[in-house]
């Protein structure tokens, strides 16, 4: 599996203030970004996999909603997260 427990813990430790804080916006967005990049590569190879394409679209929407929330509440954390993840916007 592409996303095992150790990889999740690594992502949470890198992007959240505490390693055990899996509910922070930063850690959720980082996890979604990792999953989006993996699914994007899968969809590039398997163009007719419509279920994965729909899942990818839903993940992008969830990440966008979280980023909009973070932008509305704390613009400095939003800007830092965008730079850390390398997202454009």
PDB file of N, CA and C in Angstrom:
ATOM      1  N   UNK A   1       0.839  -1.183   0.000  1.00  0.00           N
ATOM      2  CA  UNK A   1       0.000   0.000   0.000  1.00  0.00           C
ATOM      3  C   UNK A   1       0.881   1.242   0.000  1.00  0.00           C
ATOM      4  N   UNK A   2       0.496   2.250  -0.699  1.00  0.00           N
ATOM      5  CA  UNK A   2       1.322   3.435  -0.859  1.00  0.00           C
ATOM      6  C   UNK A   2       1.347   4.313   0.380  1.00  0.00           C
ATOM      7  N   UNK A   3       0.364   4.197   1.259  1.00  0.00           N
ATOM      8  CA  UNK A   3       0.288   5.064   2.426  1.00  0.00           C
ATOM      9  C   UNK A   3       0.163   4.196   3.678  1.00  0.00           C
ATOM     10  N   UNK A   4       1.299   3.850   4.248  1.00  0.00           N
ATOM     11  CA  UNK A   4       1.265   3.034   5.446  1.00  0.00           C
ATOM     12  C   UNK A   4       1.351   3.915   6.694  1.00  0.00           C
ATOM     13  N   UNK A   5       1.332   3.286   7.834  1.00  0.00           N
ATOM     14  CA  UNK A   5       1.283   4.010   9.103  1.00  0.00           C
ATOM     15  C   UNK A   5       2.525   4.873   9.320  1.00  0.00           C
ATOM     16  N   UNK A   6       3.680   4.365   8.944  1.00  0.00           N
ATOM     17  CA  UNK A   6       4.906   5.123   9.153  1.00  0.00           C
ATOM     18  C   UNK A   6       4.949   6.375   8.279  1.00  0.00           C
ATOM     19  N   UNK A   7       4.438   6.270   7.070  1.00  0.00           N
ATOM     20  CA  UNK A   7       4.419   7.438   6.178  1.00  0.00           C
ATOM     21  C   UNK A   7       3.472   8.502   6.711  1.00  0.00           C
ATOM     22  N   UNK A   8       2.314   8.084   7.228  1.00  0.00           N
ATOM     23  CA  UNK A   8       1.377   9.034   7.826  1.00  0.00           C
ATOM     24  C   UNK A   8       2.004   9.742   9.013  1.00  0.00           C
ATOM     25  N   UNK A   9       2.666   8.977   9.889  1.00  0.00           N
ATOM     26  CA  UNK A   9       3.309   9.573  11.056  1.00  0.00           C
ATOM     27  C   UNK A   9       4.397  10.555  10.642  1.00  0.00           C
ATOM     28  N   UNK A  10       5.110  10.233   9.580  1.00  0.00           N
ATOM     29  CA  UNK A  10       6.152  11.125   9.076  1.00  0.00           C
ATOM     30  C   UNK A  10       5.551  12.442   8.573  1.00  0.00           C
ATOM     31  N   UNK A  11       4.456  12.363   7.856  1.00  0.00           N
ATOM     32  CA  UNK A  11       3.787  13.562   7.341  1.00  0.00           C
ATOM     33  C   UNK A  11       3.249  14.399   8.490  1.00  0.00           C
ATOM     34  N   UNK A  12       2.611  13.754   9.474  1.00  0.00           N
ATOM     35  CA  UNK A  12       2.054  14.479  10.610  1.00  0.00           C
ATOM     36  C   UNK A  12       3.157  15.130  11.441  1.00  0.00           C
ATOM     37  N   UNK A  13       4.286  14.444  11.612  1.00  0.00           N
ATOM     38  CA  UNK A  13       5.384  15.004  12.399  1.00  0.00           C
ATOM     39  C   UNK A  13       6.003  16.217  11.697  1.00  0.00           C
ATOM     40  N   UNK A  14       6.029  16.178  10.374  1.00  0.00           N
ATOM     41  CA  UNK A  14       6.672  17.260   9.632  1.00  0.00           C
ATOM     42  C   UNK A  14       5.807  18.526   9.563  1.00  0.00           C
ATOM     43  N   UNK A  15       4.513  18.366   9.416  1.00  0.00           N
ATOM     44  CA  UNK A  15       3.673  19.527   9.132  1.00  0.00           C
ATOM     45  C   UNK A  15       2.822  20.012  10.295  1.00  0.00           C
ATOM     46  N   UNK A  16       2.688  19.246  11.369  1.00  0.00           N
ATOM     47  CA  UNK A  16       1.901  19.741  12.491  1.00  0.00           C
ATOM     48  C   UNK A  16       2.830  20.139  13.623  1.00  0.00           C
ATOM     49  N   UNK A  17       2.294  20.861  14.575  1.00  0.00           N
ATOM     50  CA  UNK A  17       3.107  21.322  15.694  1.00  0.00           C
ATOM     51  C   UNK A  17       3.528  20.153  16.574  1.00  0.00           C
ATOM     52  N   UNK A  18       2.648  19.194  16.753  1.00  0.00           N
ATOM     53  CA  UNK A  18       2.939  17.993  17.537  1.00  0.00           C
ATOM     54  C   UNK A  18       2.776  16.781  16.626  1.00  0.00           C
ATOM     55  N   UNK A  19       3.584  15.769  16.858  1.00  0.00           N
ATOM     56  CA  UNK A  19       3.526  14.576  15.999  1.00  0.00           C
ATOM     57  C   UNK A  19       2.199  13.837  16.132  1.00  0.00           C
ATOM     58  N   UNK A  20       1.570  13.914  17.297  1.00  0.00           N
ATOM     59  CA  UNK A  20       0.308  13.201  17.524  1.00  0.00           C
ATOM     60  C   UNK A  20      -0.919  14.003  17.108  1.00  0.00           C
ATOM     61  N   UNK A  21      -0.734  15.243  16.691  1.00  0.00           N
ATOM     62  CA  UNK A  21      -1.861  16.102  16.324  1.00  0.00           C
ATOM     63  C   UNK A  21      -2.238  15.835  14.871  1.00  0.00           C
ATOM     64  N   UNK A  22      -3.098  14.854  14.667  1.00  0.00           N
ATOM     65  CA  UNK A  22      -3.480  14.476  13.306  1.00  0.00           C
ATOM     66  C   UNK A  22      -4.665  15.282  12.794  1.00  0.00           C
ATOM     67  N   UNK A  23      -5.277  16.070  13.637  1.00  0.00           N
ATOM     68  CA  UNK A  23      -6.458  16.813  13.235  1.00  0.00           C
ATOM     69  C   UNK A  23      -6.189  18.245  12.835  1.00  0.00           C
ATOM     70  N   UNK A  24      -4.956  18.690  12.928  1.00  0.00           N
ATOM     71  CA  UNK A  24      -4.670  20.069  12.563  1.00  0.00           C
ATOM     72  C   UNK A  24      -4.842  20.253  11.058  1.00  0.00           C
ATOM     73  N   UNK A  25      -5.159  21.452  10.691  1.00  0.00           N
ATOM     74  CA  UNK A  25      -5.411  21.740   9.272  1.00  0.00           C
ATOM     75  C   UNK A  25      -4.153  21.483   8.453  1.00  0.00           C
ATOM     76  N   UNK A  26      -3.010  21.875   8.981  1.00  0.00           N
ATOM     77  CA  UNK A  26      -1.763  21.692   8.246  1.00  0.00           C
ATOM     78  C   UNK A  26      -1.483  20.216   7.961  1.00  0.00           C
ATOM     79  N   UNK A  27      -1.681  19.373   8.961  1.00  0.00           N
ATOM     80  CA  UNK A  27      -1.401  17.955   8.756  1.00  0.00           C
ATOM     81  C   UNK A  27      -2.404  17.315   7.802  1.00  0.00           C
ATOM     82  N   UNK A  28      -3.663  17.723   7.887  1.00  0.00           N
ATOM     83  CA  UNK A  28      -4.659  17.176   6.965  1.00  0.00           C
ATOM     84  C   UNK A  28      -4.380  17.588   5.534  1.00  0.00           C
ATOM     85  N   UNK A  29      -4.032  18.854   5.333  1.00  0.00           N
ATOM     86  CA  UNK A  29      -3.735  19.334   3.981  1.00  0.00           C
ATOM     87  C   UNK A  29      -2.492  18.641   3.437  1.00  0.00           C
ATOM     88  N   UNK A  30      -1.501  18.432   4.279  1.00  0.00           N
ATOM     89  CA  UNK A  30      -0.290  17.742   3.838  1.00  0.00           C
ATOM     90  C   UNK A  30      -0.598  16.304   3.436  1.00  0.00           C
ATOM     91  N   UNK A  31      -1.432  15.631   4.222  1.00  0.00           N
ATOM     92  CA  UNK A  31      -1.813  14.259   3.887  1.00  0.00           C
ATOM     93  C   UNK A  31      -2.617  14.221   2.593  1.00  0.00           C
ATOM     94  N   UNK A  32      -3.548  15.138   2.432  1.00  0.00           N
ATOM     95  CA  UNK A  32      -4.323  15.201   1.184  1.00  0.00           C
ATOM     96  C   UNK A  32      -3.412  15.474  -0.007  1.00  0.00           C
ATOM     97  N   UNK A  33      -2.432  16.339   0.168  1.00  0.00           N
ATOM     98  CA  UNK A  33      -1.515  16.656  -0.924  1.00  0.00           C
ATOM     99  C   UNK A  33      -0.716  15.430  -1.333  1.00  0.00           C
ATOM    100  N   UNK A  34      -0.270  14.658  -0.360  1.00  0.00           N
ATOM    101  CA  UNK A  34       0.462  13.431  -0.670  1.00  0.00           C
ATOM    102  C   UNK A  34      -0.432  12.460  -1.438  1.00  0.00           C
ATOM    103  N   UNK A  35      -1.663  12.286  -0.975  1.00  0.00           N
ATOM    104  CA  UNK A  35      -2.588  11.374  -1.642  1.00  0.00           C
ATOM    105  C   UNK A  35      -2.948  11.875  -3.039  1.00  0.00           C
ATOM    106  N   UNK A  36      -3.119  13.180  -3.191  1.00  0.00           N
ATOM    107  CA  UNK A  36      -3.447  13.750  -4.503  1.00  0.00           C
ATOM    108  C   UNK A  36      -2.315  13.507  -5.488  1.00  0.00           C
ATOM    109  N   UNK A  37      -1.080  13.688  -5.058  1.00  0.00           N
ATOM    110  CA  UNK A  37       0.047  13.463  -5.970  1.00  0.00           C
ATOM    111  C   UNK A  37       0.133  11.994  -6.392  1.00  0.00           C
ATOM    112  N   UNK A  38      -0.151  11.092  -5.467  1.00  0.00           N
ATOM    113  CA  UNK A  38      -0.133   9.668  -5.809  1.00  0.00           C
ATOM    114  C   UNK A  38      -1.261   9.326  -6.783  1.00  0.00           C
ATOM    115  N   UNK A  39      -2.465   9.810  -6.505  1.00  0.00           N
ATOM    116  CA  UNK A  39      -3.590   9.506  -7.382  1.00  0.00           C
ATOM    117  C   UNK A  39      -3.430  10.154  -8.759  1.00  0.00           C
ATOM    118  N   UNK A  40      -2.797  11.310  -8.813  1.00  0.00           N
ATOM    119  CA  UNK A  40      -2.552  11.968 -10.092  1.00  0.00           C
ATOM    120  C   UNK A  40      -1.676  11.102 -10.989  1.00  0.00           C
ATOM    121  N   UNK A  41      -0.632  10.528 -10.397  1.00  0.00           N
ATOM    122  CA  UNK A  41       0.227   9.640 -11.177  1.00  0.00           C
ATOM    123  C   UNK A  41      -0.533   8.400 -11.643  1.00  0.00           C
ATOM    124  N   UNK A  42      -1.402   7.884 -10.795  1.00  0.00           N
ATOM    125  CA  UNK A  42      -2.204   6.714 -11.174  1.00  0.00           C
ATOM    126  C   UNK A  42      -3.146   7.039 -12.337  1.00  0.00           C
ATOM    127  N   UNK A  43      -3.776   8.207 -12.280  1.00  0.00           N
ATOM    128  CA  UNK A  43      -4.729   8.585 -13.323  1.00  0.00           C
ATOM    129  C   UNK A  43      -4.011   8.862 -14.644  1.00  0.00           C
ATOM    130  N   UNK A  44      -2.775   9.350 -14.584  1.00  0.00           N
ATOM    131  CA  UNK A  44      -2.014   9.570 -15.812  1.00  0.00           C
ATOM    132  C   UNK A  44      -1.777   8.254 -16.559  1.00  0.00           C
ATOM    133  N   UNK A  45      -1.554   7.182 -15.802  1.00  0.00           N
ATOM    134  CA  UNK A  45      -1.304   5.882 -16.418  1.00  0.00           C
ATOM    135  C   UNK A  45      -2.614   5.210 -16.815  1.00  0.00           C
ATOM    136  N   UNK A  46      -3.627   5.313 -15.967  1.00  0.00           N
ATOM    137  CA  UNK A  46      -4.911   4.653 -16.188  1.00  0.00           C
ATOM    138  C   UNK A  46      -5.993   5.693 -16.479  1.00  0.00           C
ATOM    139  N   UNK A  47      -6.055   6.117 -17.697  1.00  0.00           N
ATOM    140  CA  UNK A  47      -6.943   7.218 -18.070  1.00  0.00           C
ATOM    141  C   UNK A  47      -8.430   6.886 -17.936  1.00  0.00           C
ATOM    142  N   UNK A  48      -8.790   5.636 -18.044  1.00  0.00           N
ATOM    143  CA  UNK A  48     -10.206   5.276 -18.002  1.00  0.00           C
ATOM    144  C   UNK A  48     -10.683   4.871 -16.606  1.00  0.00           C
ATOM    145  N   UNK A  49      -9.864   5.084 -15.614  1.00  0.00           N
ATOM    146  CA  UNK A  49     -10.236   4.753 -14.242  1.00  0.00           C
ATOM    147  C   UNK A  49     -11.050   5.923 -13.676  1.00  0.00           C
ATOM    148  N   UNK A  50     -12.338   5.877 -13.928  1.00  0.00           N
ATOM    149  CA  UNK A  50     -13.208   7.002 -13.579  1.00  0.00           C
ATOM    150  C   UNK A  50     -13.476   7.087 -12.075  1.00  0.00           C
ATOM    151  N   UNK A  51     -13.428   5.971 -11.386  1.00  0.00           N
ATOM    152  CA  UNK A  51     -13.642   5.970  -9.942  1.00  0.00           C
ATOM    153  C   UNK A  51     -12.502   6.718  -9.247  1.00  0.00           C
ATOM    154  N   UNK A  52     -11.281   6.446  -9.662  1.00  0.00           N
ATOM    155  CA  UNK A  52     -10.133   7.140  -9.087  1.00  0.00           C
ATOM    156  C   UNK A  52     -10.150   8.619  -9.462  1.00  0.00           C
ATOM    157  N   UNK A  53     -10.579   8.931 -10.660  1.00  0.00           N
ATOM    158  CA  UNK A  53     -10.678  10.326 -11.077  1.00  0.00           C
ATOM    159  C   UNK A  53     -11.674  11.080 -10.217  1.00  0.00           C
ATOM    160  N   UNK A  54     -12.781  10.440  -9.913  1.00  0.00           N
ATOM    161  CA  UNK A  54     -13.780  11.073  -9.040  1.00  0.00           C
ATOM    162  C   UNK A  54     -13.241  11.237  -7.629  1.00  0.00           C
ATOM    163  N   UNK A  55     -12.544  10.228  -7.129  1.00  0.00           N
ATOM    164  CA  UNK A  55     -11.937  10.310  -5.804  1.00  0.00           C
ATOM    165  C   UNK A  55     -10.909  11.428  -5.748  1.00  0.00           C
ATOM    166  N   UNK A  56     -10.150  11.579  -6.809  1.00  0.00           N
ATOM    167  CA  UNK A  56      -9.157  12.643  -6.885  1.00  0.00           C
ATOM    168  C   UNK A  56      -9.823  14.013  -6.849  1.00  0.00           C
ATOM    169  N   UNK A  57     -10.916  14.155  -7.574  1.00  0.00           N
ATOM    170  CA  UNK A  57     -11.657  15.417  -7.578  1.00  0.00           C
ATOM    171  C   UNK A  57     -12.205  15.747  -6.194  1.00  0.00           C
ATOM    172  N   UNK A  58     -12.714  14.741  -5.498  1.00  0.00           N
ATOM    173  CA  UNK A  58     -13.240  14.952  -4.153  1.00  0.00           C
ATOM    174  C   UNK A  58     -12.131  15.351  -3.177  1.00  0.00           C
ATOM    175  N   UNK A  59     -10.963  14.730  -3.310  1.00  0.00           N
ATOM    176  CA  UNK A  59      -9.837  15.073  -2.439  1.00  0.00           C
ATOM    177  C   UNK A  59      -9.370  16.502  -2.672  1.00  0.00           C
ATOM    178  N   UNK A  60      -9.324  16.907  -3.928  1.00  0.00           N
ATOM    179  CA  UNK A  60      -8.919  18.278  -4.245  1.00  0.00           C
ATOM    180  C   UNK A  60      -9.908  19.271  -3.649  1.00  0.00           C
ATOM    181  N   UNK A  61     -11.188  18.947  -3.704  1.00  0.00           N
ATOM    182  CA  UNK A  61     -12.210  19.832  -3.130  1.00  0.00           C
ATOM    183  C   UNK A  61     -12.082  19.916  -1.610  1.00  0.00           C
ATOM    184  N   UNK A  62     -11.800  18.790  -0.963  1.00  0.00           N
ATOM    185  CA  UNK A  62     -11.608  18.800   0.487  1.00  0.00           C
ATOM    186  C   UNK A  62     -10.399  19.644   0.872  1.00  0.00           C
ATOM    187  N   UNK A  63      -9.310  19.478   0.119  1.00  0.00           N
ATOM    188  CA  UNK A  63      -8.105  20.272   0.408  1.00  0.00           C
ATOM    189  C   UNK A  63      -8.366  21.751   0.192  1.00  0.00           C
ATOM    190  N   UNK A  64      -9.101  22.062  -0.866  1.00  0.00           N
ATOM    191  CA  UNK A  64      -9.406  23.463  -1.155  1.00  0.00           C
ATOM    192  C   UNK A  64     -10.252  24.065  -0.031  1.00  0.00           C
ATOM    193  N   UNK A  65     -11.212  23.311   0.478  1.00  0.00           N
ATOM    194  CA  UNK A  65     -12.058  23.803   1.571  1.00  0.00           C
ATOM    195  C   UNK A  65     -11.231  24.056   2.829  1.00  0.00           C
ATOM    196  N   UNK A  66     -10.319  23.143   3.144  1.00  0.00           N
ATOM    197  CA  UNK A  66      -9.463  23.336   4.308  1.00  0.00           C
ATOM    198  C   UNK A  66      -8.537  24.541   4.130  1.00  0.00           C
ATOM    199  N   UNK A  67      -8.013  24.714   2.925  1.00  0.00           N
ATOM    200  CA  UNK A  67      -7.149  25.862   2.676  1.00  0.00           C
ATOM    201  C   UNK A  67      -7.929  27.170   2.756  1.00  0.00           C
ATOM    202  N   UNK A  68      -9.172  27.169   2.270  1.00  0.00           N
ATOM    203  CA  UNK A  68     -10.003  28.366   2.396  1.00  0.00           C
ATOM    204  C   UNK A  68     -10.283  28.693   3.852  1.00  0.00           C
ATOM    205  N   UNK A  69     -10.525  27.666   4.663  1.00  0.00           N
ATOM    206  CA  UNK A  69     -10.750  27.867   6.087  1.00  0.00           C
ATOM    207  C   UNK A  69      -9.510  28.448   6.752  1.00  0.00           C
ATOM    208  N   UNK A  70      -8.362  27.885   6.437  1.00  0.00           N
ATOM    209  CA  UNK A  70      -7.121  28.364   7.033  1.00  0.00           C
ATOM    210  C   UNK A  70      -6.816  29.791   6.596  1.00  0.00           C
ATOM    211  N   UNK A  71      -7.102  30.097   5.357  1.00  0.00           N
ATOM    212  CA  UNK A  71      -6.873  31.456   4.852  1.00  0.00           C
ATOM    213  C   UNK A  71      -7.767  32.458   5.570  1.00  0.00           C
ATOM    214  N   UNK A  72      -8.989  32.073   5.880  1.00  0.00           N
ATOM    215  CA  UNK A  72      -9.924  32.968   6.560  1.00  0.00           C
ATOM    216  C   UNK A  72      -9.570  33.154   8.034  1.00  0.00           C
ATOM    217  N   UNK A  73      -9.005  32.128   8.658  1.00  0.00           N
ATOM    218  CA  UNK A  73      -8.730  32.216  10.092  1.00  0.00           C
ATOM    219  C   UNK A  73      -7.332  32.739  10.404  1.00  0.00           C
ATOM    220  N   UNK A  74      -6.306  32.269   9.677  1.00  0.00           N
ATOM    221  CA  UNK A  74      -4.932  32.674   9.974  1.00  0.00           C
ATOM    222  C   UNK A  74      -4.131  32.711   8.674  1.00  0.00           C
ATOM    223  N   UNK A  75      -3.979  33.900   8.121  1.00  0.00           N
ATOM    224  CA  UNK A  75      -3.338  34.053   6.808  1.00  0.00           C
ATOM    225  C   UNK A  75      -1.859  33.685   6.865  1.00  0.00           C
ATOM    226  N   UNK A  76      -1.197  33.901   7.994  1.00  0.00           N
ATOM    227  CA  UNK A  76       0.230  33.583   8.087  1.00  0.00           C
ATOM    228  C   UNK A  76       0.474  32.080   8.042  1.00  0.00           C
ATOM    229  N   UNK A  77      -0.346  31.301   8.751  1.00  0.00           N
ATOM    230  CA  UNK A  77      -0.235  29.844   8.686  1.00  0.00           C
ATOM    231  C   UNK A  77      -0.545  29.345   7.281  1.00  0.00           C
ATOM    232  N   UNK A  78      -1.513  29.981   6.622  1.00  0.00           N
ATOM    233  CA  UNK A  78      -1.884  29.614   5.245  1.00  0.00           C
ATOM    234  C   UNK A  78      -0.703  29.820   4.306  1.00  0.00           C
ATOM    235  N   UNK A  79      -0.081  30.987   4.388  1.00  0.00           N
ATOM    236  CA  UNK A  79       1.057  31.286   3.500  1.00  0.00           C
ATOM    237  C   UNK A  79       2.234  30.357   3.767  1.00  0.00           C
ATOM    238  N   UNK A  80       2.488  30.059   5.040  1.00  0.00           N
ATOM    239  CA  UNK A  80       3.586  29.152   5.382  1.00  0.00           C
ATOM    240  C   UNK A  80       3.320  27.749   4.842  1.00  0.00           C
ATOM    241  N   UNK A  81       2.074  27.311   4.936  1.00  0.00           N
ATOM    242  CA  UNK A  81       1.727  25.972   4.451  1.00  0.00           C
ATOM    243  C   UNK A  81       1.838  25.884   2.935  1.00  0.00           C
ATOM    244  N   UNK A  82       1.396  26.908   2.251  1.00  0.00           N
ATOM    245  CA  UNK A  82       1.482  26.932   0.784  1.00  0.00           C
ATOM    246  C   UNK A  82       2.947  26.847   0.340  1.00  0.00           C
ATOM    247  N   UNK A  83       3.805  27.591   1.015  1.00  0.00           N
ATOM    248  CA  UNK A  83       5.234  27.546   0.676  1.00  0.00           C
ATOM    249  C   UNK A  83       5.840  26.187   1.003  1.00  0.00           C
ATOM    250  N   UNK A  84       5.481  25.627   2.157  1.00  0.00           N
ATOM    251  CA  UNK A  84       6.055  24.351   2.567  1.00  0.00           C
ATOM    252  C   UNK A  84       5.641  23.212   1.636  1.00  0.00           C
ATOM    253  N   UNK A  85       4.413  23.234   1.179  1.00  0.00           N
ATOM    254  CA  UNK A  85       3.927  22.150   0.305  1.00  0.00           C
ATOM    255  C   UNK A  85       4.218  22.406  -1.160  1.00  0.00           C
ATOM    256  N   UNK A  86       4.565  23.636  -1.497  1.00  0.00           N
ATOM    257  CA  UNK A  86       4.854  23.946  -2.890  1.00  0.00           C
ATOM    258  C   UNK A  86       3.610  24.061  -3.749  1.00  0.00           C
ATOM    259  N   UNK A  87       2.494  24.442  -3.136  1.00  0.00           N
ATOM    260  CA  UNK A  87       1.257  24.623  -3.876  1.00  0.00           C
ATOM    261  C   UNK A  87       1.249  26.004  -4.497  1.00  0.00           C
ATOM    262  N   UNK A  88       0.719  26.109  -5.659  1.00  0.00           N
ATOM    263  CA  UNK A  88       0.621  27.430  -6.275  1.00  0.00           C
ATOM    264  C   UNK A  88      -0.699  28.076  -5.902  1.00  0.00           C
ATOM    265  N   UNK A  89      -0.657  29.299  -5.622  1.00  0.00           N
ATOM    266  CA  UNK A  89      -1.804  30.122  -5.317  1.00  0.00           C
ATOM    267  C   UNK A  89      -1.447  31.180  -4.333  1.00  0.00           C
TER     268      UNK A  89
END
